[in-house]
Amino acid sequence: MLKPNDAWRWYFDNTSNSLMLDLGDDMVFRVAVNAKHLIPDAFSSSPFSVEDASLFQRLTEPLSNLSLSGPRQAELALNAVAAYRFHKPVLPKSWFFEPQQDTIATPEWGQIVELTSQTGDRAPFIIIENAGSASLCMLAREADFELSANKKMAFCGAIKVMNDRLSQPICQTNSQKGRFALVG
């Protein structure tokens, strides 16, 4: 996986109408979040912050549990960080998803949950942000996700859903596991 450094910079590229991350060494990453879903801060250049780097690193372990290649894990992690930092608040679109009986009380950043669409498609999603009763989630599967008969979501697509649609976490970040070892 990539190692963040203090030379990385977020900027908006008007030519491609996309948020970008300059990784140095002539490498540029194009963020999957549509320009219409970006907050105003995304249109100004800013450094890849210490918080951004921390969020990126926290995803390393849970993403390693998914059947994605290393480059795809890095792509997903960078898109998740970008969405956390720059995605506008949006309304939930829960009607695409089946309610779950055993749900998460308080979803947290980086948890990987499963969502099931009304069409029966199931896929892992990363929790980007919990807004109380709903969470912004990002598709963590390379294949398109079928929301309905005529609507699909692509890899790294973000959608907000009510928390009663989220399954129990598939994978957890280090901060959600026990912090103490039993000695003895």
Protein backbone atom coordinates (compact mmCIF):
# COMPACT_ATOMS: atom_id res chain seq x y z
CA MET A 1 0.00 0.00 0.00
CA LEU A 2 1.08 3.60 -0.53
CA LYS A 3 2.80 5.47 2.30
CA PRO A 4 1.45 9.02 2.80
CA ASN A 5 3.94 11.85 3.09
CA ASP A 6 3.89 15.59 3.70
CA ALA A 7 4.35 16.38 -0.02
CA TRP A 8 0.90 15.05 -1.00
CA ARG A 9 -1.61 17.79 -1.94
CA TRP A 10 -5.32 17.89 -2.73
CA TYR A 11 -6.36 20.15 -5.62
CA PHE A 12 -9.25 20.54 -8.02
CA ASP A 13 -8.48 20.06 -11.72
CA ASN A 14 -10.81 22.19 -13.86
CA THR A 15 -9.86 20.36 -17.06
CA SER A 16 -11.11 17.00 -15.80
CA ASN A 17 -13.64 18.59 -13.39
CA SER A 18 -12.28 16.32 -10.64
CA LEU A 19 -10.70 16.46 -7.22
CA MET A 20 -7.14 15.17 -7.48
CA LEU A 21 -4.40 14.14 -5.08
CA ASP A 22 -0.85 14.92 -6.16
CA LEU A 23 1.28 12.05 -4.83
CA GLY A 24 4.59 13.48 -6.09
CA ASP A 25 6.97 11.78 -8.52
CA ASP A 26 4.59 12.63 -11.40
CA MET A 27 1.81 10.51 -9.87
CA VAL A 28 -1.68 11.96 -9.58
CA PHE A 29 -4.75 10.25 -8.14
CA ARG A 30 -8.23 11.14 -9.44
CA VAL A 31 -10.91 11.00 -6.72
CA ALA A 32 -14.14 9.16 -7.56
CA VAL A 33 -16.45 11.66 -5.79
CA ASN A 34 -18.45 13.60 -8.40
CA ALA A 35 -17.70 17.37 -8.44
CA LYS A 36 -21.34 18.19 -7.66
CA HIS A 37 -20.98 16.33 -4.33
CA LEU A 38 -17.89 18.25 -3.17
CA ILE A 39 -17.89 20.93 -0.47
CA PRO A 40 -16.38 24.35 -1.36
CA ASP A 41 -13.06 23.52 0.39
CA ALA A 42 -12.41 20.85 -2.26
CA PHE A 43 -11.95 23.55 -4.89
CA SER A 44 -8.88 25.01 -3.12
CA SER A 45 -5.47 23.41 -2.87
CA SER A 46 -4.68 21.90 0.54
CA PRO A 47 -2.14 19.49 2.02
CA PHE A 48 -2.85 15.83 2.73
CA SER A 49 -3.16 16.38 6.48
CA VAL A 50 -1.98 14.32 9.43
CA GLU A 51 -5.65 13.36 9.99
CA ASP A 52 -5.92 12.25 6.33
CA ALA A 53 -2.80 10.09 6.75
CA SER A 54 -4.16 8.61 9.99
CA LEU A 55 -7.50 7.73 8.36
CA PHE A 56 -5.68 6.19 5.39
CA GLN A 57 -3.51 4.03 7.68
CA ARG A 58 -6.51 2.93 9.79
CA LEU A 59 -8.03 1.34 6.68
CA THR A 60 -5.00 -0.85 5.94
CA GLU A 61 -6.08 -3.84 8.05
CA PRO A 62 -9.82 -3.94 7.27
CA LEU A 63 -9.20 -3.52 3.53
CA SER A 64 -6.69 -6.37 3.56
CA ASN A 65 -9.60 -8.67 4.48
CA LEU A 66 -11.38 -7.88 1.19
CA SER A 67 -10.69 -9.68 -2.07
CA LEU A 68 -9.06 -6.64 -3.68
CA SER A 69 -5.54 -6.24 -5.06
CA GLY A 70 -3.12 -3.91 -3.25
CA PRO A 71 -3.57 -1.09 -5.79
CA ARG A 72 -7.38 -1.37 -5.54
CA GLN A 73 -7.15 -1.28 -1.72
CA ALA A 74 -5.08 1.92 -1.96
CA GLU A 75 -7.59 3.40 -4.42
CA LEU A 76 -10.47 2.58 -2.09
CA ALA A 77 -8.63 4.00 0.94
CA LEU A 78 -7.79 7.27 -0.83
CA ASN A 79 -11.38 7.64 -2.07
CA ALA A 80 -12.68 6.97 1.45
CA VAL A 81 -10.41 9.66 2.91
CA ALA A 82 -11.44 12.12 0.17
CA ALA A 83 -15.15 11.40 0.77
CA TYR A 84 -14.73 11.83 4.54
CA ARG A 85 -13.02 15.18 4.08
CA PHE A 86 -14.77 16.67 1.04
CA HIS A 87 -18.19 15.00 0.44
CA LYS A 88 -21.22 17.29 0.85
CA PRO A 89 -23.96 16.23 3.23
CA VAL A 90 -26.62 14.35 1.26
CA LEU A 91 -30.00 12.83 2.02
CA PRO A 92 -30.32 9.07 2.57
CA LYS A 93 -31.42 6.87 -0.32
CA SER A 94 -32.45 3.95 1.83
CA TRP A 95 -35.28 2.80 -0.42
CA PHE A 96 -32.70 0.93 -2.54
CA PHE A 97 -31.77 -1.32 0.41
CA GLU A 98 -33.36 -4.02 2.55
CA PRO A 99 -33.72 -3.33 6.29
CA GLN A 100 -31.60 -5.60 8.53
CA GLN A 101 -32.66 -7.18 11.81
CA ASP A 102 -29.24 -7.19 13.50
CA THR A 103 -27.89 -3.68 12.86
CA ILE A 104 -25.03 -1.55 14.21
CA ALA A 105 -25.91 0.76 17.09
CA THR A 106 -23.26 3.34 16.22
CA PRO A 107 -21.43 2.83 12.90
CA GLU A 108 -17.85 4.12 12.90
CA TRP A 109 -15.36 5.26 10.27
CA GLY A 110 -13.74 2.36 8.47
CA GLN A 111 -16.12 -0.39 9.50
CA ILE A 112 -16.93 -2.67 6.61
CA VAL A 113 -20.57 -3.69 6.51
CA GLU A 114 -22.78 -5.44 3.99
CA LEU A 115 -25.74 -3.82 2.25
CA THR A 116 -28.41 -5.75 0.36
CA SER A 117 -30.33 -4.03 -2.41
CA GLN A 118 -34.02 -4.51 -3.19
CA THR A 119 -32.84 -6.59 -6.20
CA GLY A 120 -30.98 -9.01 -3.88
CA ASP A 121 -27.47 -7.80 -4.74
CA ARG A 122 -25.14 -7.86 -1.70
CA ALA A 123 -21.81 -6.12 -1.32
CA PRO A 124 -19.36 -4.79 1.25
CA PHE A 125 -19.39 -1.05 1.96
CA ILE A 126 -17.07 1.10 4.09
CA ILE A 127 -18.61 3.45 6.63
CA ILE A 128 -17.36 6.94 5.74
CA GLU A 129 -19.39 8.98 8.18
CA ASN A 130 -22.16 8.40 10.72
CA ALA A 131 -24.68 11.26 10.90
CA GLY A 132 -26.79 9.88 13.74
CA SER A 133 -29.49 7.75 12.16
CA ALA A 134 -27.85 7.47 8.71
CA SER A 135 -24.35 6.81 7.38
CA LEU A 136 -22.43 7.70 4.25
CA CYS A 137 -21.10 4.44 2.79
CA MET A 138 -18.70 3.61 -0.06
CA LEU A 139 -18.91 0.52 -2.27
CA ALA A 140 -15.93 -1.76 -1.56
CA ARG A 141 -16.45 -4.24 -4.42
CA GLU A 142 -14.99 -3.92 -7.92
CA ALA A 143 -18.11 -5.20 -9.69
CA ASP A 144 -20.98 -2.75 -10.12
CA PHE A 145 -23.67 -2.89 -7.44
CA GLU A 146 -27.25 -3.20 -8.69
CA LEU A 147 -29.37 -0.67 -6.78
CA SER A 148 -32.45 -1.33 -8.92
CA ALA A 149 -33.33 -2.87 -12.29
CA ASN A 150 -32.01 0.21 -14.09
CA LYS A 151 -29.59 1.86 -11.65
CA LYS A 152 -26.07 0.71 -10.73
CA MET A 153 -23.26 1.95 -8.52
CA ALA A 154 -19.58 1.71 -9.45
CA PHE A 155 -16.58 0.80 -7.29
CA CYS A 156 -15.92 3.58 -4.72
CA GLY A 157 -19.40 5.06 -5.27
CA ALA A 158 -20.81 6.73 -2.15
CA ILE A 159 -24.39 6.64 -0.91
CA LYS A 160 -26.06 7.61 2.35
CA VAL A 161 -28.42 5.08 3.95
CA MET A 162 -30.34 4.77 7.18
CA ASN A 163 -28.43 2.72 9.75
CA ASP A 164 -31.19 0.11 9.91
CA ARG A 165 -29.99 -1.05 6.46
CA LEU A 166 -26.43 -1.83 7.65
CA SER A 167 -25.39 -5.35 8.63
CA GLN A 168 -23.08 -6.01 11.55
CA PRO A 169 -19.44 -5.18 10.62
CA ILE A 170 -17.67 -7.68 8.40
CA CYS A 171 -14.24 -6.28 9.40
CA GLN A 172 -13.24 -3.82 12.10
CA THR A 173 -10.47 -1.24 12.39
CA ASN A 174 -7.80 -1.53 15.07
CA SER A 175 -9.54 1.12 17.18
CA GLN A 176 -12.60 -1.11 17.48
CA LYS A 177 -10.69 -4.16 18.71
CA GLY A 178 -9.62 -4.70 22.28
CA ARG A 179 -6.74 -2.52 23.36
CA PHE A 180 -5.45 -4.83 26.09
CA ALA A 181 -3.69 -8.15 25.93
CA LEU A 182 -4.39 -10.82 28.48
CA VAL A 183 -1.24 -11.73 30.29
CA GLY A 184 -0.89 -14.52 32.49
